[in-house]
Amino acid sequence: FVVDFEEYNKADFDKHLIGSENVLNYFKKSIQSITDWNE
């Protein structure tokens, strides 16, 4: 949360990240338009 991580947890990457491009792109677009950074 403070500094960049070096690598992904391999099991989590294979299980959850592969095939998730639609989710990542959706949030990237949504976040880029945000001005009020809150929960």
PDB file of all heavy atoms in Angstrom:
ATOM      1  N   PHE A   1       0.813  -1.206   0.000  1.00  0.00           N
ATOM      2  CA  PHE A   1       0.000   0.000   0.000  1.00  0.00           C
ATOM      3  C   PHE A   1       0.853   1.266   0.000  1.00  0.00           C
ATOM      4  O   PHE A   1       0.347   2.362  -0.237  1.00  0.00           O
ATOM      5  CB  PHE A   1      -0.931   0.026   1.215  1.00  0.00           C
ATOM      6  CG  PHE A   1      -2.037  -0.992   1.157  1.00  0.00           C
ATOM      7  CD1 PHE A   1      -1.903  -2.209   1.795  1.00  0.00           C
ATOM      8  CD2 PHE A   1      -3.193  -0.733   0.450  1.00  0.00           C
ATOM      9  CE1 PHE A   1      -2.918  -3.147   1.741  1.00  0.00           C
ATOM     10  CE2 PHE A   1      -4.219  -1.673   0.384  1.00  0.00           C
ATOM     11  CZ  PHE A   1      -4.071  -2.886   1.033  1.00  0.00           C
ATOM     12  N   VAL A   2       2.147   1.093   0.284  1.00  0.00           N
ATOM     13  CA  VAL A   2       3.038   2.250   0.391  1.00  0.00           C
ATOM     14  C   VAL A   2       4.079   2.262  -0.723  1.00  0.00           C
ATOM     15  O   VAL A   2       4.375   3.310  -1.300  1.00  0.00           O
ATOM     16  CB  VAL A   2       3.733   2.272   1.767  1.00  0.00           C
ATOM     17  CG1 VAL A   2       4.575   3.542   1.928  1.00  0.00           C
ATOM     18  CG2 VAL A   2       2.706   2.182   2.899  1.00  0.00           C
ATOM     19  N   VAL A   3       4.637   1.105  -1.038  1.00  0.00           N
ATOM     20  CA  VAL A   3       5.642   1.004  -2.098  1.00  0.00           C
ATOM     21  C   VAL A   3       5.223  -0.087  -3.081  1.00  0.00           C
ATOM     22  O   VAL A   3       4.435  -0.972  -2.758  1.00  0.00           O
ATOM     23  CB  VAL A   3       7.048   0.698  -1.531  1.00  0.00           C
ATOM     24  CG1 VAL A   3       7.537   1.836  -0.659  1.00  0.00           C
ATOM     25  CG2 VAL A   3       7.046  -0.615  -0.741  1.00  0.00           C
ATOM     26  N   ASP A   4       5.769  -0.030  -4.278  1.00  0.00           N
ATOM     27  CA  ASP A   4       5.416  -1.001  -5.309  1.00  0.00           C
ATOM     28  C   ASP A   4       5.870  -2.414  -4.927  1.00  0.00           C
ATOM     29  O   ASP A   4       6.954  -2.600  -4.376  1.00  0.00           O
ATOM     30  CB  ASP A   4       6.041  -0.617  -6.647  1.00  0.00           C
ATOM     31  CG  ASP A   4       5.419   0.644  -7.238  1.00  0.00           C
ATOM     32  OD1 ASP A   4       4.238   0.919  -6.942  1.00  0.00           O
ATOM     33  OD2 ASP A   4       6.124   1.360  -7.981  1.00  0.00           O
ATOM     34  N   PHE A   5       5.013  -3.381  -5.205  1.00  0.00           N
ATOM     35  CA  PHE A   5       5.383  -4.772  -4.957  1.00  0.00           C
ATOM     36  C   PHE A   5       6.132  -5.330  -6.164  1.00  0.00           C
ATOM     37  O   PHE A   5       5.948  -4.869  -7.292  1.00  0.00           O
ATOM     38  CB  PHE A   5       4.149  -5.630  -4.642  1.00  0.00           C
ATOM     39  CG  PHE A   5       3.073  -5.616  -5.698  1.00  0.00           C
ATOM     40  CD1 PHE A   5       3.078  -6.533  -6.733  1.00  0.00           C
ATOM     41  CD2 PHE A   5       2.048  -4.683  -5.638  1.00  0.00           C
ATOM     42  CE1 PHE A   5       2.078  -6.534  -7.694  1.00  0.00           C
ATOM     43  CE2 PHE A   5       1.049  -4.661  -6.614  1.00  0.00           C
ATOM     44  CZ  PHE A   5       1.061  -5.582  -7.637  1.00  0.00           C
ATOM     45  N   GLU A   6       6.994  -6.304  -5.916  1.00  0.00           N
ATOM     46  CA  GLU A   6       7.880  -6.819  -6.959  1.00  0.00           C
ATOM     47  C   GLU A   6       7.188  -7.836  -7.855  1.00  0.00           C
ATOM     48  O   GLU A   6       7.427  -7.875  -9.072  1.00  0.00           O
ATOM     49  CB  GLU A   6       9.124  -7.473  -6.340  1.00  0.00           C
ATOM     50  CG  GLU A   6      10.132  -6.480  -5.728  1.00  0.00           C
ATOM     51  CD  GLU A   6       9.639  -5.916  -4.388  1.00  0.00           C
ATOM     52  OE1 GLU A   6       8.824  -6.602  -3.719  1.00  0.00           O
ATOM     53  OE2 GLU A   6      10.055  -4.800  -3.992  1.00  0.00           O
ATOM     54  N   GLU A   7       6.332  -8.663  -7.304  1.00  0.00           N
ATOM     55  CA  GLU A   7       5.704  -9.712  -8.090  1.00  0.00           C
ATOM     56  C   GLU A   7       4.355 -10.078  -7.509  1.00  0.00           C
ATOM     57  O   GLU A   7       4.045  -9.795  -6.352  1.00  0.00           O
ATOM     58  CB  GLU A   7       6.608 -10.947  -8.149  1.00  0.00           C
ATOM     59  CG  GLU A   7       6.975 -11.521  -6.792  1.00  0.00           C
ATOM     60  CD  GLU A   7       7.991 -12.642  -6.890  1.00  0.00           C
ATOM     61  OE1 GLU A   7       8.734 -12.719  -7.879  1.00  0.00           O
ATOM     62  OE2 GLU A   7       8.033 -13.454  -5.939  1.00  0.00           O
ATOM     63  N   TYR A   8       3.542 -10.733  -8.344  1.00  0.00           N
ATOM     64  CA  TYR A   8       2.229 -11.188  -7.911  1.00  0.00           C
ATOM     65  C   TYR A   8       2.349 -12.551  -7.218  1.00  0.00           C
ATOM     66  O   TYR A   8       3.238 -13.347  -7.531  1.00  0.00           O
ATOM     67  CB  TYR A   8       1.282 -11.340  -9.112  1.00  0.00           C
ATOM     68  CG  TYR A   8       1.045 -10.068  -9.883  1.00  0.00           C
ATOM     69  CD1 TYR A   8       1.768  -9.810 -11.053  1.00  0.00           C
ATOM     70  CD2 TYR A   8       0.107  -9.144  -9.478  1.00  0.00           C
ATOM     71  CE1 TYR A   8       1.558  -8.646 -11.784  1.00  0.00           C
ATOM     72  CE2 TYR A   8      -0.116  -7.977 -10.203  1.00  0.00           C
ATOM     73  CZ  TYR A   8       0.612  -7.731 -11.353  1.00  0.00           C
ATOM     74  OH  TYR A   8       0.399  -6.581 -12.076  1.00  0.00           O
ATOM     75  N   ASN A   9       1.430 -12.792  -6.305  1.00  0.00           N
ATOM     76  CA  ASN A   9       1.291 -14.156  -5.802  1.00  0.00           C
ATOM     77  C   ASN A   9       0.854 -15.037  -6.974  1.00  0.00           C
ATOM     78  O   ASN A   9      -0.188 -14.798  -7.573  1.00  0.00           O
ATOM     79  CB  ASN A   9       0.258 -14.206  -4.682  1.00  0.00           C
ATOM     80  CG  ASN A   9       0.025 -15.604  -4.156  1.00  0.00           C
ATOM     81  OD1 ASN A   9      -0.662 -16.422  -4.761  1.00  0.00           O
ATOM     82  ND2 ASN A   9       0.581 -15.885  -2.983  1.00  0.00           N
ATOM     83  N   LYS A  10       1.666 -16.029  -7.331  1.00  0.00           N
ATOM     84  CA  LYS A  10       1.431 -16.786  -8.558  1.00  0.00           C
ATOM     85  C   LYS A  10       0.080 -17.486  -8.561  1.00  0.00           C
ATOM     86  O   LYS A  10      -0.647 -17.451  -9.555  1.00  0.00           O
ATOM     87  CB  LYS A  10       2.537 -17.817  -8.783  1.00  0.00           C
ATOM     88  CG  LYS A  10       2.450 -18.519 -10.137  1.00  0.00           C
ATOM     89  CD  LYS A  10       3.581 -19.478 -10.350  1.00  0.00           C
ATOM     90  CE  LYS A  10       3.538 -20.067 -11.759  1.00  0.00           C
ATOM     91  NZ  LYS A  10       2.229 -20.654 -12.122  1.00  0.00           N
ATOM     92  N   ALA A  11      -0.274 -18.125  -7.466  1.00  0.00           N
ATOM     93  CA  ALA A  11      -1.552 -18.836  -7.394  1.00  0.00           C
ATOM     94  C   ALA A  11      -2.716 -17.873  -7.557  1.00  0.00           C
ATOM     95  O   ALA A  11      -3.683 -18.167  -8.283  1.00  0.00           O
ATOM     96  CB  ALA A  11      -1.663 -19.597  -6.085  1.00  0.00           C
ATOM     97  N   ASP A  12      -2.643 -16.709  -6.907  1.00  0.00           N
ATOM     98  CA  ASP A  12      -3.708 -15.713  -7.007  1.00  0.00           C
ATOM     99  C   ASP A  12      -3.769 -15.121  -8.420  1.00  0.00           C
ATOM    100  O   ASP A  12      -4.854 -14.861  -8.942  1.00  0.00           O
ATOM    101  CB  ASP A  12      -3.494 -14.597  -5.986  1.00  0.00           C
ATOM    102  CG  ASP A  12      -3.736 -15.063  -4.554  1.00  0.00           C
ATOM    103  OD1 ASP A  12      -4.381 -16.113  -4.367  1.00  0.00           O
ATOM    104  OD2 ASP A  12      -3.273 -14.367  -3.620  1.00  0.00           O
ATOM    105  N   PHE A  13      -2.588 -14.909  -9.016  1.00  0.00           N
ATOM    106  CA  PHE A  13      -2.544 -14.376 -10.380  1.00  0.00           C
ATOM    107  C   PHE A  13      -3.237 -15.328 -11.352  1.00  0.00           C
ATOM    108  O   PHE A  13      -4.088 -14.920 -12.143  1.00  0.00           O
ATOM    109  CB  PHE A  13      -1.085 -14.155 -10.798  1.00  0.00           C
ATOM    110  CG  PHE A  13      -0.923 -13.598 -12.190  1.00  0.00           C
ATOM    111  CD1 PHE A  13      -0.850 -12.224 -12.397  1.00  0.00           C
ATOM    112  CD2 PHE A  13      -0.854 -14.438 -13.298  1.00  0.00           C
ATOM    113  CE1 PHE A  13      -0.702 -11.694 -13.674  1.00  0.00           C
ATOM    114  CE2 PHE A  13      -0.710 -13.923 -14.581  1.00  0.00           C
ATOM    115  CZ  PHE A  13      -0.632 -12.549 -14.771  1.00  0.00           C
ATOM    116  N   ASP A  14      -2.869 -16.589 -11.294  1.00  0.00           N
ATOM    117  CA  ASP A  14      -3.431 -17.578 -12.224  1.00  0.00           C
ATOM    118  C   ASP A  14      -4.925 -17.778 -12.012  1.00  0.00           C
ATOM    119  O   ASP A  14      -5.686 -17.939 -12.978  1.00  0.00           O
ATOM    120  CB  ASP A  14      -2.707 -18.916 -12.061  1.00  0.00           C
ATOM    121  CG  ASP A  14      -1.252 -18.861 -12.506  1.00  0.00           C
ATOM    122  OD1 ASP A  14      -0.895 -17.915 -13.252  1.00  0.00           O
ATOM    123  OD2 ASP A  14      -0.473 -19.752 -12.107  1.00  0.00           O
ATOM    124  N   LYS A  15      -5.352 -17.738 -10.755  1.00  0.00           N
ATOM    125  CA  LYS A  15      -6.739 -18.036 -10.439  1.00  0.00           C
ATOM    126  C   LYS A  15      -7.669 -16.860 -10.676  1.00  0.00           C
ATOM    127  O   LYS A  15      -8.807 -17.040 -11.141  1.00  0.00           O
ATOM    128  CB  LYS A  15      -6.858 -18.507  -8.989  1.00  0.00           C
ATOM    129  CG  LYS A  15      -8.251 -18.960  -8.591  1.00  0.00           C
ATOM    130  CD  LYS A  15      -8.262 -19.492  -7.165  1.00  0.00           C
ATOM    131  CE  LYS A  15      -9.653 -19.972  -6.757  1.00  0.00           C
ATOM    132  NZ  LYS A  15      -9.657 -20.496  -5.352  1.00  0.00           N
ATOM    133  N   HIS A  16      -7.223 -15.651 -10.376  1.00  0.00           N
ATOM    134  CA  HIS A  16      -8.122 -14.503 -10.354  1.00  0.00           C
ATOM    135  C   HIS A  16      -7.848 -13.439 -11.416  1.00  0.00           C
ATOM    136  O   HIS A  16      -8.774 -12.734 -11.835  1.00  0.00           O
ATOM    137  CB  HIS A  16      -8.097 -13.837  -8.972  1.00  0.00           C
ATOM    138  CG  HIS A  16      -8.429 -14.759  -7.844  1.00  0.00           C
ATOM    139  ND1 HIS A  16      -9.642 -15.404  -7.758  1.00  0.00           N
ATOM    140  CD2 HIS A  16      -7.710 -15.145  -6.757  1.00  0.00           C
ATOM    141  CE1 HIS A  16      -9.666 -16.144  -6.661  1.00  0.00           C
ATOM    142  NE2 HIS A  16      -8.498 -16.007  -6.043  1.00  0.00           N
ATOM    143  N   LEU A  17      -6.582 -13.287 -11.839  1.00  0.00           N
ATOM    144  CA  LEU A  17      -6.260 -12.170 -12.715  1.00  0.00           C
ATOM    145  C   LEU A  17      -6.387 -12.537 -14.194  1.00  0.00           C
ATOM    146  O   LEU A  17      -6.821 -11.702 -15.001  1.00  0.00           O
ATOM    147  CB  LEU A  17      -4.847 -11.662 -12.419  1.00  0.00           C
ATOM    148  CG  LEU A  17      -4.603 -10.161 -12.668  1.00  0.00           C
ATOM    149  CD1 LEU A  17      -5.647  -9.311 -11.970  1.00  0.00           C
ATOM    150  CD2 LEU A  17      -3.200  -9.773 -12.178  1.00  0.00           C
ATOM    151  N   ILE A  18      -6.028 -13.760 -14.539  1.00  0.00           N
ATOM    152  CA  ILE A  18      -6.159 -14.198 -15.927  1.00  0.00           C
ATOM    153  C   ILE A  18      -7.627 -14.151 -16.356  1.00  0.00           C
ATOM    154  O   ILE A  18      -8.494 -14.707 -15.705  1.00  0.00           O
ATOM    155  CB  ILE A  18      -5.599 -15.634 -16.110  1.00  0.00           C
ATOM    156  CG1 ILE A  18      -4.113 -15.696 -15.742  1.00  0.00           C
ATOM    157  CG2 ILE A  18      -5.830 -16.112 -17.539  1.00  0.00           C
ATOM    158  CD1 ILE A  18      -3.229 -14.874 -16.600  1.00  0.00           C
ATOM    159  N   GLY A  19      -7.903 -13.472 -17.439  1.00  0.00           N
ATOM    160  CA  GLY A  19      -9.268 -13.375 -17.947  1.00  0.00           C
ATOM    161  C   GLY A  19     -10.102 -12.271 -17.330  1.00  0.00           C
ATOM    162  O   GLY A  19     -11.316 -12.201 -17.548  1.00  0.00           O
ATOM    163  N   SER A  20      -9.467 -11.382 -16.581  1.00  0.00           N
ATOM    164  CA  SER A  20     -10.201 -10.326 -15.878  1.00  0.00           C
ATOM    165  C   SER A  20     -10.030  -8.960 -16.539  1.00  0.00           C
ATOM    166  O   SER A  20     -10.293  -7.938 -15.910  1.00  0.00           O
ATOM    167  CB  SER A  20      -9.745 -10.257 -14.418  1.00  0.00           C
ATOM    168  OG  SER A  20      -8.395  -9.833 -14.351  1.00  0.00           O
ATOM    169  N   GLU A  21      -9.583  -8.932 -17.806  1.00  0.00           N
ATOM    170  CA  GLU A  21      -9.289  -7.666 -18.456  1.00  0.00           C
ATOM    171  C   GLU A  21     -10.479  -6.712 -18.452  1.00  0.00           C
ATOM    172  O   GLU A  21     -10.322  -5.499 -18.304  1.00  0.00           O
ATOM    173  CB  GLU A  21      -8.820  -7.900 -19.905  1.00  0.00           C
ATOM    174  CG  GLU A  21      -7.473  -8.598 -20.018  1.00  0.00           C
ATOM    175  CD  GLU A  21      -7.613 -10.113 -20.103  1.00  0.00           C
ATOM    176  OE1 GLU A  21      -8.629 -10.679 -19.607  1.00  0.00           O
ATOM    177  OE2 GLU A  21      -6.696 -10.738 -20.681  1.00  0.00           O
ATOM    178  N   ASN A  22     -11.697  -7.254 -18.616  1.00  0.00           N
ATOM    179  CA  ASN A  22     -12.882  -6.396 -18.642  1.00  0.00           C
ATOM    180  C   ASN A  22     -13.078  -5.662 -17.320  1.00  0.00           C
ATOM    181  O   ASN A  22     -13.452  -4.478 -17.290  1.00  0.00           O
ATOM    182  CB  ASN A  22     -14.130  -7.206 -18.993  1.00  0.00           C
ATOM    183  CG  ASN A  22     -14.392  -8.347 -18.008  1.00  0.00           C
ATOM    184  OD1 ASN A  22     -13.472  -8.871 -17.395  1.00  0.00           O
ATOM    185  ND2 ASN A  22     -15.663  -8.758 -17.887  1.00  0.00           N
ATOM    186  N   VAL A  23     -12.803  -6.337 -16.215  1.00  0.00           N
ATOM    187  CA  VAL A  23     -12.924  -5.721 -14.892  1.00  0.00           C
ATOM    188  C   VAL A  23     -11.864  -4.628 -14.716  1.00  0.00           C
ATOM    189  O   VAL A  23     -12.163  -3.514 -14.263  1.00  0.00           O
ATOM    190  CB  VAL A  23     -12.784  -6.784 -13.779  1.00  0.00           C
ATOM    191  CG1 VAL A  23     -12.755  -6.107 -12.403  1.00  0.00           C
ATOM    192  CG2 VAL A  23     -13.912  -7.794 -13.856  1.00  0.00           C
ATOM    193  N   LEU A  24     -10.639  -4.946 -15.075  1.00  0.00           N
ATOM    194  CA  LEU A  24      -9.545  -3.995 -14.900  1.00  0.00           C
ATOM    195  C   LEU A  24      -9.755  -2.748 -15.762  1.00  0.00           C
ATOM    196  O   LEU A  24      -9.538  -1.619 -15.291  1.00  0.00           O
ATOM    197  CB  LEU A  24      -8.212  -4.652 -15.243  1.00  0.00           C
ATOM    198  CG  LEU A  24      -7.843  -5.929 -14.456  1.00  0.00           C
ATOM    199  CD1 LEU A  24      -6.443  -6.397 -14.841  1.00  0.00           C
ATOM    200  CD2 LEU A  24      -7.947  -5.702 -12.957  1.00  0.00           C
ATOM    201  N   ASN A  25     -10.170  -2.931 -16.986  1.00  0.00           N
ATOM    202  CA  ASN A  25     -10.393  -1.789 -17.875  1.00  0.00           C
ATOM    203  C   ASN A  25     -11.557  -0.930 -17.390  1.00  0.00           C
ATOM    204  O   ASN A  25     -11.509   0.304 -17.477  1.00  0.00           O
ATOM    205  CB  ASN A  25     -10.656  -2.278 -19.298  1.00  0.00           C
ATOM    206  CG  ASN A  25      -9.357  -2.604 -20.038  1.00  0.00           C
ATOM    207  OD1 ASN A  25      -8.411  -1.811 -20.057  1.00  0.00           O
ATOM    208  ND2 ASN A  25      -9.311  -3.793 -20.658  1.00  0.00           N
ATOM    209  N   TYR A  26     -12.606  -1.573 -16.900  1.00  0.00           N
ATOM    210  CA  TYR A  26     -13.767  -0.837 -16.377  1.00  0.00           C
ATOM    211  C   TYR A  26     -13.336   0.088 -15.227  1.00  0.00           C
ATOM    212  O   TYR A  26     -13.705   1.263 -15.194  1.00  0.00           O
ATOM    213  CB  TYR A  26     -14.828  -1.830 -15.896  1.00  0.00           C
ATOM    214  CG  TYR A  26     -16.099  -1.171 -15.384  1.00  0.00           C
ATOM    215  CD1 TYR A  26     -17.209  -1.046 -16.220  1.00  0.00           C
ATOM    216  CD2 TYR A  26     -16.203  -0.693 -14.077  1.00  0.00           C
ATOM    217  CE1 TYR A  26     -18.387  -0.441 -15.765  1.00  0.00           C
ATOM    218  CE2 TYR A  26     -17.361  -0.098 -13.615  1.00  0.00           C
ATOM    219  CZ  TYR A  26     -18.454   0.029 -14.466  1.00  0.00           C
ATOM    220  OH  TYR A  26     -19.626   0.633 -14.021  1.00  0.00           O
ATOM    221  N   PHE A  27     -12.572  -0.452 -14.279  1.00  0.00           N
ATOM    222  CA  PHE A  27     -12.160   0.341 -13.136  1.00  0.00           C
ATOM    223  C   PHE A  27     -11.116   1.388 -13.513  1.00  0.00           C
ATOM    224  O   PHE A  27     -11.101   2.485 -12.947  1.00  0.00           O
ATOM    225  CB  PHE A  27     -11.657  -0.567 -12.009  1.00  0.00           C
ATOM    226  CG  PHE A  27     -12.764  -1.049 -11.122  1.00  0.00           C
ATOM    227  CD1 PHE A  27     -13.504  -2.155 -11.475  1.00  0.00           C
ATOM    228  CD2 PHE A  27     -13.104  -0.372  -9.974  1.00  0.00           C
ATOM    229  CE1 PHE A  27     -14.545  -2.598 -10.682  1.00  0.00           C
ATOM    230  CE2 PHE A  27     -14.144  -0.806  -9.169  1.00  0.00           C
ATOM    231  CZ  PHE A  27     -14.878  -1.915  -9.523  1.00  0.00           C
ATOM    232  N   LYS A  28     -10.275   1.079 -14.450  1.00  0.00           N
ATOM    233  CA  LYS A  28      -9.298   2.058 -14.887  1.00  0.00           C
ATOM    234  C   LYS A  28     -10.009   3.292 -15.441  1.00  0.00           C
ATOM    235  O   LYS A  28      -9.673   4.432 -15.082  1.00  0.00           O
ATOM    236  CB  LYS A  28      -8.375   1.457 -15.944  1.00  0.00           C
ATOM    237  CG  LYS A  28      -7.363   2.447 -16.502  1.00  0.00           C
ATOM    238  CD  LYS A  28      -6.536   1.814 -17.615  1.00  0.00           C
ATOM    239  CE  LYS A  28      -5.645   2.866 -18.275  1.00  0.00           C
ATOM    240  NZ  LYS A  28      -4.870   2.289 -19.403  1.00  0.00           N
ATOM    241  N   LYS A  29     -10.980   3.079 -16.288  1.00  0.00           N
ATOM    242  CA  LYS A  29     -11.733   4.180 -16.880  1.00  0.00           C
ATOM    243  C   LYS A  29     -12.499   4.957 -15.808  1.00  0.00           C
ATOM    244  O   LYS A  29     -12.515   6.193 -15.819  1.00  0.00           O
ATOM    245  CB  LYS A  29     -12.690   3.638 -17.932  1.00  0.00           C
ATOM    246  CG  LYS A  29     -13.487   4.719 -18.646  1.00  0.00           C
ATOM    247  CD  LYS A  29     -14.404   4.101 -19.692  1.00  0.00           C
ATOM    248  CE  LYS A  29     -15.234   5.182 -20.394  1.00  0.00           C
ATOM    249  NZ  LYS A  29     -16.145   4.588 -21.419  1.00  0.00           N
ATOM    250  N   SER A  30     -13.130   4.215 -14.872  1.00  0.00           N
ATOM    251  CA  SER A  30     -13.917   4.874 -13.828  1.00  0.00           C
ATOM    252  C   SER A  30     -13.040   5.706 -12.901  1.00  0.00           C
ATOM    253  O   SER A  30     -13.382   6.834 -12.523  1.00  0.00           O
ATOM    254  CB  SER A  30     -14.684   3.829 -13.007  1.00  0.00           C
ATOM    255  OG  SER A  30     -15.571   3.087 -13.813  1.00  0.00           O
ATOM    256  N   ILE A  31     -11.899   5.180 -12.540  1.00  0.00           N
ATOM    257  CA  ILE A  31     -11.012   5.847 -11.590  1.00  0.00           C
ATOM    258  C   ILE A  31     -10.365   7.076 -12.209  1.00  0.00           C
ATOM    259  O   ILE A  31     -10.170   8.096 -11.536  1.00  0.00           O
ATOM    260  CB  ILE A  31      -9.968   4.847 -11.061  1.00  0.00           C
ATOM    261  CG1 ILE A  31     -10.659   3.893 -10.076  1.00  0.00           C
ATOM    262  CG2 ILE A  31      -8.800   5.564 -10.392  1.00  0.00           C
ATOM    263  CD1 ILE A  31      -9.828   2.728  -9.653  1.00  0.00           C
ATOM    264  N   GLN A  32     -10.046   7.018 -13.470  1.00  0.00           N
ATOM    265  CA  GLN A  32      -9.428   8.163 -14.136  1.00  0.00           C
ATOM    266  C   GLN A  32     -10.314   9.399 -14.114  1.00  0.00           C
ATOM    267  O   GLN A  32      -9.822  10.530 -14.167  1.00  0.00           O
ATOM    268  CB  GLN A  32      -9.059   7.798 -15.574  1.00  0.00           C
ATOM    269  CG  GLN A  32      -7.825   6.905 -15.671  1.00  0.00           C
ATOM    270  CD  GLN A  32      -7.521   6.486 -17.100  1.00  0.00           C
ATOM    271  OE1 GLN A  32      -8.455   6.198 -17.882  1.00  0.00           O
ATOM    272  NE2 GLN A  32      -6.254   6.420 -17.453  1.00  0.00           N
ATOM    273  N   SER A  33     -11.617   9.194 -14.026  1.00  0.00           N
ATOM    274  CA  SER A  33     -12.552  10.317 -14.044  1.00  0.00           C
ATOM    275  C   SER A  33     -12.894  10.841 -12.652  1.00  0.00           C
ATOM    276  O   SER A  33     -13.631  11.815 -12.515  1.00  0.00           O
ATOM    277  CB  SER A  33     -13.843   9.906 -14.766  1.00  0.00           C
ATOM    278  OG  SER A  33     -14.516   8.873 -14.045  1.00  0.00           O
ATOM    279  N   ILE A  34     -12.376  10.195 -11.590  1.00  0.00           N
ATOM    280  CA  ILE A  34     -12.705  10.566 -10.215  1.00  0.00           C
ATOM    281  C   ILE A  34     -11.900  11.786  -9.767  1.00  0.00           C
ATOM    282  O   ILE A  34     -10.697  11.879  -9.998  1.00  0.00           O
ATOM    283  CB  ILE A  34     -12.442   9.390  -9.247  1.00  0.00           C
ATOM    284  CG1 ILE A  34     -13.444   8.266  -9.498  1.00  0.00           C
ATOM    285  CG2 ILE A  34     -12.535   9.851  -7.792  1.00  0.00           C
ATOM    286  CD1 ILE A  34     -13.177   7.045  -8.671  1.00  0.00           C
ATOM    287  N   THR A  35     -12.573  12.707  -9.103  1.00  0.00           N
ATOM    288  CA  THR A  35     -11.893  13.862  -8.505  1.00  0.00           C
ATOM    289  C   THR A  35     -11.923  13.799  -6.965  1.00  0.00           C
ATOM    290  O   THR A  35     -11.066  14.371  -6.310  1.00  0.00           O
ATOM    291  CB  THR A  35     -12.551  15.173  -8.965  1.00  0.00           C
ATOM    292  OG1 THR A  35     -13.951  15.140  -8.653  1.00  0.00           O
ATOM    293  CG2 THR A  35     -12.373  15.351 -10.485  1.00  0.00           C
ATOM    294  N   ASP A  36     -12.934  13.115  -6.439  1.00  0.00           N
ATOM    295  CA  ASP A  36     -13.097  13.009  -4.986  1.00  0.00           C
ATOM    296  C   ASP A  36     -12.667  11.607  -4.537  1.00  0.00           C
ATOM    297  O   ASP A  36     -13.409  10.653  -4.667  1.00  0.00           O
ATOM    298  CB  ASP A  36     -14.552  13.282  -4.604  1.00  0.00           C
ATOM    299  CG  ASP A  36     -14.744  13.425  -3.103  1.00  0.00           C
ATOM    300  OD1 ASP A  36     -13.722  13.484  -2.378  1.00  0.00           O
ATOM    301  OD2 ASP A  36     -15.903  13.466  -2.646  1.00  0.00           O
ATOM    302  N   TRP A  37     -11.434  11.501  -3.989  1.00  0.00           N
ATOM    303  CA  TRP A  37     -10.840  10.201  -3.661  1.00  0.00           C
ATOM    304  C   TRP A  37     -11.285   9.771  -2.268  1.00  0.00           C
ATOM    305  O   TRP A  37     -10.675  10.107  -1.265  1.00  0.00           O
ATOM    306  CB  TRP A  37      -9.317  10.295  -3.727  1.00  0.00           C
ATOM    307  CG  TRP A  37      -8.618   8.967  -3.822  1.00  0.00           C
ATOM    308  CD1 TRP A  37      -7.998   8.300  -2.818  1.00  0.00           C
ATOM    309  CD2 TRP A  37      -8.458   8.163  -4.975  1.00  0.00           C
ATOM    310  NE1 TRP A  37      -7.471   7.121  -3.262  1.00  0.00           N
ATOM    311  CE2 TRP A  37      -7.729   7.003  -4.599  1.00  0.00           C
ATOM    312  CE3 TRP A  37      -8.873   8.281  -6.299  1.00  0.00           C
ATOM    313  CZ2 TRP A  37      -7.402   5.993  -5.502  1.00  0.00           C
ATOM    314  CZ3 TRP A  37      -8.539   7.265  -7.193  1.00  0.00           C
ATOM    315  CH2 TRP A  37      -7.817   6.152  -6.794  1.00  0.00           C
ATOM    316  N   ASN A  38     -12.381   8.989  -2.176  1.00  0.00           N
ATOM    317  CA  ASN A  38     -12.866   8.521  -0.879  1.00  0.00           C
ATOM    318  C   ASN A  38     -13.540   7.163  -1.023  1.00  0.00           C
ATOM    319  O   ASN A  38     -13.907   6.730  -2.122  1.00  0.00           O
ATOM    320  CB  ASN A  38     -13.825   9.532  -0.233  1.00  0.00           C
ATOM    321  CG  ASN A  38     -15.058   9.783  -1.057  1.00  0.00           C
ATOM    322  OD1 ASN A  38     -15.911   8.899  -1.196  1.00  0.00           O
ATOM    323  ND2 ASN A  38     -15.167  10.994  -1.618  1.00  0.00           N
ATOM    324  N   GLU A  39     -13.723   6.491   0.088  1.00  0.00           N
ATOM    325  CA  GLU A  39     -14.246   5.120   0.084  1.00  0.00           C
ATOM    326  C   GLU A  39     -15.699   5.043  -0.386  1.00  0.00           C
ATOM    327  O   GLU A  39     -16.098   4.056  -1.019  1.00  0.00           O
ATOM    328  CB  GLU A  39     -14.086   4.512   1.476  1.00  0.00           C
ATOM    329  CG  GLU A  39     -12.621   4.250   1.834  1.00  0.00           C
ATOM    330  CD  GLU A  39     -12.397   3.907   3.287  1.00  0.00           C
ATOM    331  OE1 GLU A  39     -12.550   2.744   3.639  1.00  0.00           O
ATOM    332  OE2 GLU A  39     -12.052   4.815   4.064  1.00  0.00           O
TER     333      GLU A  39
END
